[in-house]
Structures are given as C-alpha cells and as structure tokens.
Amino acid sequence: MNENHILELEEQKSELGKVEISPEVIEVIAGIAASEVDGVATMRGNFATGVAEKLGRKNHGKGVKVELDEDGITVDVSVVISYGVAVPEVASLIQSNIKQALQTMTAIELQAINVHVVGVQFESADPIEQEEV
C-alpha cells in the first residue's frame, strides 16, 4: 500500500481526480457497524479514548484497528459483550455487519475481520431495588 497509509480506490478514478480513504474512516465505519450489533455492550478503547469520552468527545473508531499491508486490509475489533449472549453468534454478526457496511460505503474488499472479545458486561442491579431488600 502507499507509504502514507491512504487507501486509493482503483475503480473510483475518473477524469475529476482520484478517491482516497484514510484508515481512520474505515475505523469509524467499522466501529459504528460493530456497536450496532445486539449483544455488544461496549467497544474497548484505550485510556486516552476513555478520558476523551468523559470530556464529551465521542470516538466512533474506539476498539477498532485497521492494518493496510501488501496482502490486503485487516480489521481488528475489540468488544465487550453482554452477559448471556452466544459469543460465536455475536462475533459472526459483528463480522457480517462490518463487511456489509464497508462494502456499501467504500466498496473495499477486506482480507480479514478479527473479533476480540475482551470482556463481559453484567447487568448492574438497580440501586433502588438494592435498598428495598
């Protein structure tokens, strides 16, 4: 791929110029597509994204890493799932949703979509119910 890590769409060249897509755009699309799947509690980010969200800045690419190399494009997604869901089914739905979103919006073919389940979120008990017991 290009050294500046910009993906150039070959089939989108026209007489007006060329179309380039930044990996950050792919991360945002994949992050939104993954978070739309039922069973995904949250996307896993790092400390900086957690602080930015506390300050009110939403990071839609959180938990998504895009690698561009000579073999193709690989997307790694780190998610926290809800307790009680079937992990293989949710992971498969995440892969399908990301693939469909990227195909529709960018016409990009992916080499792989890797889903990393990094945690399970349990439903928190309602504090009012705890006081009544």
N, C-alpha and C. Protein backbone atom coordinates (compact mmCIF):
# COMPACT_ATOMS: atom_id res chain seq x y z
N MET A 1 0.83 -1.19 0.00
CA MET A 1 0.00 0.00 0.00
C MET A 1 0.87 1.24 0.00
N ASN A 2 0.27 2.38 -0.02
CA ASN A 2 1.02 3.63 -0.04
C ASN A 2 1.74 3.83 1.28
N GLU A 3 2.87 4.51 1.24
CA GLU A 3 3.63 4.73 2.45
C GLU A 3 2.93 5.66 3.42
N ASN A 4 2.09 6.55 2.93
CA ASN A 4 1.39 7.46 3.83
C ASN A 4 0.10 6.85 4.36
N HIS A 5 -0.12 5.55 4.09
CA HIS A 5 -1.23 4.78 4.62
C HIS A 5 -2.59 5.35 4.23
N ILE A 6 -2.72 5.79 3.02
CA ILE A 6 -4.00 6.22 2.46
C ILE A 6 -4.40 5.18 1.43
N LEU A 7 -5.62 4.71 1.53
CA LEU A 7 -6.11 3.71 0.60
C LEU A 7 -6.68 4.39 -0.62
N GLU A 8 -6.13 4.06 -1.78
CA GLU A 8 -6.60 4.65 -3.04
C GLU A 8 -7.51 3.65 -3.72
N LEU A 9 -8.70 4.08 -4.06
CA LEU A 9 -9.66 3.20 -4.72
C LEU A 9 -9.42 3.21 -6.21
N GLU A 10 -8.98 2.08 -6.74
CA GLU A 10 -8.64 1.97 -8.16
C GLU A 10 -9.86 2.16 -9.04
N GLU A 11 -11.00 1.54 -8.67
CA GLU A 11 -12.17 1.58 -9.54
C GLU A 11 -12.90 2.92 -9.48
N GLN A 12 -12.49 3.81 -8.60
CA GLN A 12 -13.18 5.08 -8.45
C GLN A 12 -12.45 6.24 -9.15
N LYS A 13 -11.40 5.95 -9.92
CA LYS A 13 -10.70 7.01 -10.64
C LYS A 13 -11.59 7.53 -11.76
N SER A 14 -11.57 8.82 -11.94
CA SER A 14 -12.33 9.42 -13.03
C SER A 14 -11.53 10.60 -13.56
N GLU A 15 -12.11 11.30 -14.51
CA GLU A 15 -11.38 12.45 -15.02
C GLU A 15 -11.33 13.61 -14.03
N LEU A 16 -12.14 13.56 -13.01
CA LEU A 16 -12.14 14.62 -12.00
C LEU A 16 -11.01 14.46 -10.98
N GLY A 17 -10.48 13.27 -10.85
CA GLY A 17 -9.41 13.03 -9.89
C GLY A 17 -9.54 11.65 -9.28
N LYS A 18 -8.85 11.43 -8.18
CA LYS A 18 -8.88 10.11 -7.54
C LYS A 18 -9.55 10.22 -6.17
N VAL A 19 -9.99 9.08 -5.68
CA VAL A 19 -10.63 8.99 -4.37
C VAL A 19 -9.69 8.23 -3.45
N GLU A 20 -9.39 8.81 -2.30
CA GLU A 20 -8.56 8.17 -1.29
C GLU A 20 -9.34 8.11 0.01
N ILE A 21 -9.16 7.00 0.74
CA ILE A 21 -9.84 6.81 2.01
C ILE A 21 -8.80 6.58 3.09
N SER A 22 -8.89 7.35 4.14
CA SER A 22 -7.98 7.22 5.26
C SER A 22 -8.38 6.01 6.12
N PRO A 23 -7.41 5.33 6.72
CA PRO A 23 -7.75 4.21 7.61
C PRO A 23 -8.64 4.63 8.77
N GLU A 24 -8.56 5.88 9.21
CA GLU A 24 -9.41 6.36 10.30
C GLU A 24 -10.88 6.32 9.90
N VAL A 25 -11.16 6.55 8.63
CA VAL A 25 -12.54 6.48 8.13
C VAL A 25 -13.04 5.04 8.21
N ILE A 26 -12.19 4.10 7.84
CA ILE A 26 -12.55 2.68 7.92
C ILE A 26 -12.79 2.29 9.38
N GLU A 27 -11.96 2.82 10.29
CA GLU A 27 -12.13 2.53 11.72
C GLU A 27 -13.47 3.03 12.23
N VAL A 28 -13.86 4.23 11.83
CA VAL A 28 -15.14 4.80 12.28
C VAL A 28 -16.31 3.98 11.75
N ILE A 29 -16.28 3.64 10.46
CA ILE A 29 -17.36 2.85 9.86
C ILE A 29 -17.46 1.49 10.56
N ALA A 30 -16.32 0.83 10.77
CA ALA A 30 -16.32 -0.48 11.42
C ALA A 30 -16.78 -0.37 12.87
N GLY A 31 -16.38 0.68 13.56
CA GLY A 31 -16.78 0.86 14.96
C GLY A 31 -18.28 1.06 15.11
N ILE A 32 -18.86 1.86 14.25
CA ILE A 32 -20.31 2.08 14.29
C ILE A 32 -21.04 0.78 13.94
N ALA A 33 -20.57 0.08 12.90
CA ALA A 33 -21.21 -1.16 12.48
C ALA A 33 -21.15 -2.21 13.59
N ALA A 34 -20.03 -2.31 14.29
CA ALA A 34 -19.90 -3.29 15.37
C ALA A 34 -20.78 -2.95 16.56
N SER A 35 -20.85 -1.67 16.90
CA SER A 35 -21.63 -1.27 18.07
C SER A 35 -23.14 -1.39 17.84
N GLU A 36 -23.57 -1.50 16.57
CA GLU A 36 -24.99 -1.67 16.26
C GLU A 36 -25.49 -3.08 16.50
N VAL A 37 -24.59 -4.04 16.66
CA VAL A 37 -24.98 -5.45 16.82
C VAL A 37 -25.52 -5.68 18.23
N ASP A 38 -26.68 -6.36 18.31
CA ASP A 38 -27.23 -6.73 19.61
C ASP A 38 -26.28 -7.70 20.29
N GLY A 39 -26.02 -7.45 21.56
CA GLY A 39 -25.09 -8.29 22.32
C GLY A 39 -23.77 -7.61 22.57
N VAL A 40 -23.47 -6.55 21.83
CA VAL A 40 -22.25 -5.79 22.07
C VAL A 40 -22.56 -4.73 23.12
N ALA A 41 -21.92 -4.85 24.28
CA ALA A 41 -22.15 -3.89 25.35
C ALA A 41 -21.39 -2.60 25.08
N THR A 42 -20.10 -2.70 24.85
CA THR A 42 -19.27 -1.53 24.55
C THR A 42 -18.12 -1.95 23.65
N MET A 43 -17.50 -0.95 23.07
CA MET A 43 -16.28 -1.17 22.31
C MET A 43 -15.12 -0.89 23.27
N ARG A 44 -14.05 -1.63 23.14
CA ARG A 44 -12.91 -1.48 24.03
C ARG A 44 -11.93 -0.46 23.44
N GLY A 45 -11.62 0.56 24.19
CA GLY A 45 -10.65 1.55 23.75
C GLY A 45 -9.46 1.56 24.69
N ASN A 46 -8.65 2.58 24.56
CA ASN A 46 -7.52 2.73 25.47
C ASN A 46 -7.81 3.84 26.47
N PHE A 47 -6.85 4.16 27.30
CA PHE A 47 -7.04 5.16 28.34
C PHE A 47 -7.39 6.54 27.77
N ALA A 48 -6.73 6.92 26.68
CA ALA A 48 -6.96 8.24 26.08
C ALA A 48 -8.38 8.38 25.54
N THR A 49 -8.91 7.32 24.92
CA THR A 49 -10.27 7.41 24.40
C THR A 49 -11.28 7.46 25.54
N GLY A 50 -10.98 6.78 26.64
CA GLY A 50 -11.86 6.83 27.81
C GLY A 50 -11.92 8.22 28.41
N VAL A 51 -10.77 8.88 28.51
CA VAL A 51 -10.73 10.24 29.03
C VAL A 51 -11.46 11.20 28.10
N ALA A 52 -11.24 11.05 26.79
CA ALA A 52 -11.90 11.93 25.82
C ALA A 52 -13.42 11.77 25.88
N GLU A 53 -13.91 10.54 26.08
CA GLU A 53 -15.35 10.34 26.17
C GLU A 53 -15.91 10.95 27.44
N LYS A 54 -15.16 10.92 28.53
CA LYS A 54 -15.61 11.55 29.77
C LYS A 54 -15.73 13.06 29.59
N LEU A 55 -14.93 13.62 28.70
CA LEU A 55 -14.97 15.05 28.43
C LEU A 55 -16.01 15.40 27.37
N GLY A 56 -16.73 14.40 26.88
CA GLY A 56 -17.82 14.66 25.95
C GLY A 56 -17.50 14.45 24.49
N ARG A 57 -16.34 13.95 24.16
CA ARG A 57 -15.97 13.73 22.76
C ARG A 57 -16.14 12.26 22.43
N LYS A 58 -17.08 11.93 21.57
CA LYS A 58 -17.37 10.55 21.19
C LYS A 58 -16.35 10.09 20.14
N ASN A 59 -15.76 8.92 20.37
CA ASN A 59 -14.80 8.36 19.44
C ASN A 59 -15.42 7.10 18.83
N HIS A 60 -15.91 7.21 17.60
CA HIS A 60 -16.58 6.09 16.96
C HIS A 60 -15.61 5.02 16.49
N GLY A 61 -14.35 5.32 16.40
CA GLY A 61 -13.37 4.33 15.97
C GLY A 61 -12.75 3.57 17.13
N LYS A 62 -13.28 3.78 18.32
CA LYS A 62 -12.74 3.15 19.52
C LYS A 62 -12.85 1.63 19.42
N GLY A 63 -11.78 0.94 19.74
CA GLY A 63 -11.78 -0.51 19.74
C GLY A 63 -11.54 -1.12 18.37
N VAL A 64 -11.22 -0.31 17.38
CA VAL A 64 -11.01 -0.82 16.01
C VAL A 64 -9.60 -0.46 15.56
N LYS A 65 -8.92 -1.43 14.99
CA LYS A 65 -7.58 -1.20 14.44
C LYS A 65 -7.58 -1.69 13.00
N VAL A 66 -7.13 -0.86 12.08
CA VAL A 66 -7.07 -1.21 10.67
C VAL A 66 -5.62 -1.31 10.25
N GLU A 67 -5.27 -2.42 9.61
CA GLU A 67 -3.91 -2.62 9.11
C GLU A 67 -3.95 -2.73 7.60
N LEU A 68 -3.14 -1.90 6.95
CA LEU A 68 -3.01 -1.93 5.50
C LEU A 68 -1.64 -2.50 5.17
N ASP A 69 -1.61 -3.61 4.45
CA ASP A 69 -0.33 -4.16 4.01
C ASP A 69 -0.49 -4.73 2.61
N GLU A 70 0.57 -5.35 2.10
CA GLU A 70 0.54 -5.83 0.72
C GLU A 70 -0.46 -6.98 0.53
N ASP A 71 -0.83 -7.68 1.59
CA ASP A 71 -1.79 -8.77 1.49
C ASP A 71 -3.23 -8.28 1.43
N GLY A 72 -3.49 -7.08 1.91
CA GLY A 72 -4.85 -6.54 1.93
C GLY A 72 -5.11 -5.77 3.21
N ILE A 73 -6.39 -5.63 3.52
CA ILE A 73 -6.81 -4.84 4.67
C ILE A 73 -7.34 -5.79 5.74
N THR A 74 -6.83 -5.65 6.95
CA THR A 74 -7.29 -6.44 8.09
C THR A 74 -7.86 -5.50 9.13
N VAL A 75 -9.05 -5.84 9.63
CA VAL A 75 -9.71 -5.06 10.67
C VAL A 75 -9.75 -5.89 11.93
N ASP A 76 -9.24 -5.34 13.04
CA ASP A 76 -9.31 -5.98 14.35
C ASP A 76 -10.26 -5.18 15.21
N VAL A 77 -11.26 -5.86 15.79
CA VAL A 77 -12.28 -5.21 16.60
C VAL A 77 -12.24 -5.81 17.99
N SER A 78 -12.14 -4.96 19.02
CA SER A 78 -12.15 -5.41 20.41
C SER A 78 -13.46 -4.96 21.05
N VAL A 79 -14.23 -5.93 21.56
CA VAL A 79 -15.54 -5.63 22.11
C VAL A 79 -15.72 -6.23 23.49
N VAL A 80 -16.64 -5.63 24.23
CA VAL A 80 -17.13 -6.19 25.49
C VAL A 80 -18.56 -6.60 25.20
N ILE A 81 -18.89 -7.86 25.47
CA ILE A 81 -20.22 -8.35 25.15
C ILE A 81 -21.10 -8.37 26.39
N SER A 82 -22.39 -8.42 26.18
CA SER A 82 -23.35 -8.52 27.28
C SER A 82 -23.40 -9.95 27.78
N TYR A 83 -23.61 -10.10 29.08
CA TYR A 83 -23.68 -11.43 29.67
C TYR A 83 -24.92 -12.15 29.15
N GLY A 84 -24.77 -13.42 28.81
CA GLY A 84 -25.89 -14.24 28.40
C GLY A 84 -26.07 -14.40 26.91
N VAL A 85 -25.28 -13.72 26.10
CA VAL A 85 -25.40 -13.87 24.65
C VAL A 85 -24.44 -14.95 24.17
N ALA A 86 -24.74 -15.52 23.01
CA ALA A 86 -23.86 -16.53 22.42
C ALA A 86 -22.70 -15.82 21.73
N VAL A 87 -21.51 -16.01 22.25
CA VAL A 87 -20.33 -15.31 21.76
C VAL A 87 -20.07 -15.58 20.28
N PRO A 88 -20.09 -16.84 19.81
CA PRO A 88 -19.83 -17.08 18.38
C PRO A 88 -20.86 -16.40 17.46
N GLU A 89 -22.13 -16.38 17.88
CA GLU A 89 -23.16 -15.73 17.06
C GLU A 89 -22.95 -14.22 16.99
N VAL A 90 -22.65 -13.61 18.13
CA VAL A 90 -22.42 -12.16 18.16
C VAL A 90 -21.19 -11.81 17.34
N ALA A 91 -20.12 -12.59 17.47
CA ALA A 91 -18.90 -12.33 16.70
C ALA A 91 -19.16 -12.44 15.20
N SER A 92 -19.93 -13.45 14.81
CA SER A 92 -20.27 -13.62 13.40
C SER A 92 -21.11 -12.45 12.89
N LEU A 93 -22.06 -11.99 13.70
CA LEU A 93 -22.87 -10.84 13.31
C LEU A 93 -22.03 -9.57 13.19
N ILE A 94 -21.05 -9.41 14.08
CA ILE A 94 -20.15 -8.25 14.01
C ILE A 94 -19.38 -8.29 12.69
N GLN A 95 -18.83 -9.45 12.35
CA GLN A 95 -18.08 -9.59 11.09
C GLN A 95 -18.97 -9.28 9.89
N SER A 96 -20.18 -9.82 9.88
CA SER A 96 -21.10 -9.59 8.76
C SER A 96 -21.49 -8.12 8.64
N ASN A 97 -21.78 -7.49 9.77
CA ASN A 97 -22.21 -6.10 9.76
C ASN A 97 -21.09 -5.17 9.29
N ILE A 98 -19.87 -5.43 9.74
CA ILE A 98 -18.73 -4.61 9.32
C ILE A 98 -18.47 -4.80 7.83
N LYS A 99 -18.50 -6.05 7.37
CA LYS A 99 -18.25 -6.32 5.95
C LYS A 99 -19.29 -5.63 5.08
N GLN A 100 -20.55 -5.73 5.47
CA GLN A 100 -21.63 -5.11 4.69
C GLN A 100 -21.51 -3.59 4.69
N ALA A 101 -21.22 -3.00 5.84
CA ALA A 101 -21.10 -1.54 5.93
C ALA A 101 -19.94 -1.03 5.07
N LEU A 102 -18.80 -1.70 5.14
CA LEU A 102 -17.65 -1.25 4.36
C LEU A 102 -17.86 -1.47 2.87
N GLN A 103 -18.52 -2.56 2.49
CA GLN A 103 -18.83 -2.80 1.08
C GLN A 103 -19.76 -1.72 0.55
N THR A 104 -20.79 -1.40 1.32
CA THR A 104 -21.78 -0.42 0.88
C THR A 104 -21.20 0.99 0.80
N MET A 105 -20.42 1.38 1.80
CA MET A 105 -19.96 2.75 1.88
C MET A 105 -18.67 3.02 1.13
N THR A 106 -17.80 2.01 1.00
CA THR A 106 -16.48 2.27 0.40
C THR A 106 -16.11 1.34 -0.74
N ALA A 107 -16.83 0.25 -0.95
CA ALA A 107 -16.51 -0.76 -1.97
C ALA A 107 -15.15 -1.39 -1.74
N ILE A 108 -14.74 -1.50 -0.48
CA ILE A 108 -13.44 -2.08 -0.12
C ILE A 108 -13.63 -3.56 0.18
N GLU A 109 -12.73 -4.38 -0.36
CA GLU A 109 -12.69 -5.81 -0.04
C GLU A 109 -11.71 -6.01 1.11
N LEU A 110 -12.11 -6.74 2.12
CA LEU A 110 -11.27 -6.98 3.28
C LEU A 110 -10.63 -8.36 3.22
N GLN A 111 -9.42 -8.45 3.75
CA GLN A 111 -8.77 -9.75 3.85
C GLN A 111 -9.33 -10.50 5.06
N ALA A 112 -9.47 -9.79 6.21
CA ALA A 112 -9.95 -10.45 7.42
C ALA A 112 -10.60 -9.43 8.35
N ILE A 113 -11.58 -9.91 9.12
CA ILE A 113 -12.18 -9.14 10.20
C ILE A 113 -12.04 -10.00 11.45
N ASN A 114 -11.15 -9.60 12.34
CA ASN A 114 -10.88 -10.36 13.55
C ASN A 114 -11.63 -9.72 14.72
N VAL A 115 -12.42 -10.53 15.42
CA VAL A 115 -13.19 -10.03 16.56
C VAL A 115 -12.53 -10.56 17.83
N HIS A 116 -12.17 -9.64 18.73
CA HIS A 116 -11.55 -9.98 20.00
C HIS A 116 -12.53 -9.64 21.11
N VAL A 117 -13.05 -10.66 21.80
CA VAL A 117 -13.93 -10.43 22.93
C VAL A 117 -13.04 -10.26 24.15
N VAL A 118 -13.00 -9.04 24.70
CA VAL A 118 -12.07 -8.73 25.78
C VAL A 118 -12.75 -8.62 27.14
N GLY A 119 -14.06 -8.82 27.16
CA GLY A 119 -14.75 -8.74 28.44
C GLY A 119 -16.22 -9.06 28.31
N VAL A 120 -16.84 -9.25 29.47
CA VAL A 120 -18.27 -9.49 29.56
C VAL A 120 -18.85 -8.48 30.53
N GLN A 121 -19.93 -7.82 30.12
CA GLN A 121 -20.57 -6.84 30.99
C GLN A 121 -21.83 -7.46 31.58
N PHE A 122 -21.87 -7.47 32.91
CA PHE A 122 -23.04 -7.98 33.60
C PHE A 122 -24.03 -6.84 33.79
N GLU A 123 -25.32 -7.18 33.83
CA GLU A 123 -26.32 -6.16 34.08
C GLU A 123 -26.17 -5.68 35.51
N SER A 124 -26.12 -4.37 35.69
CA SER A 124 -25.98 -3.83 37.03
C SER A 124 -27.35 -3.79 37.70
N ALA A 125 -27.38 -4.11 38.97
CA ALA A 125 -28.64 -4.11 39.71
C ALA A 125 -29.07 -2.67 39.96
N ASP A 126 -30.36 -2.44 39.97
CA ASP A 126 -30.90 -1.11 40.20
C ASP A 126 -30.67 -0.73 41.67
N PRO A 127 -30.06 0.42 41.97
CA PRO A 127 -29.78 0.80 43.35
C PRO A 127 -31.04 0.91 44.20
N ILE A 128 -32.18 1.26 43.61
CA ILE A 128 -33.41 1.37 44.37
C ILE A 128 -33.85 -0.01 44.86
N GLU A 129 -33.72 -1.04 43.99
CA GLU A 129 -34.09 -2.38 44.38
C GLU A 129 -33.17 -2.90 45.49
N GLN A 130 -31.90 -2.53 45.48
CA GLN A 130 -30.98 -2.98 46.50
C GLN A 130 -31.34 -2.39 47.87
N GLU A 131 -31.82 -1.15 47.89
CA GLU A 131 -32.17 -0.51 49.16
C GLU A 131 -33.41 -1.13 49.77
N GLU A 132 -34.32 -1.64 48.94
CA GLU A 132 -35.57 -2.19 49.44
C GLU A 132 -35.37 -3.56 50.05
N VAL A 133 -34.30 -4.25 49.72
CA VAL A 133 -34.08 -5.62 50.23
C VAL A 133 -33.59 -5.63 51.61
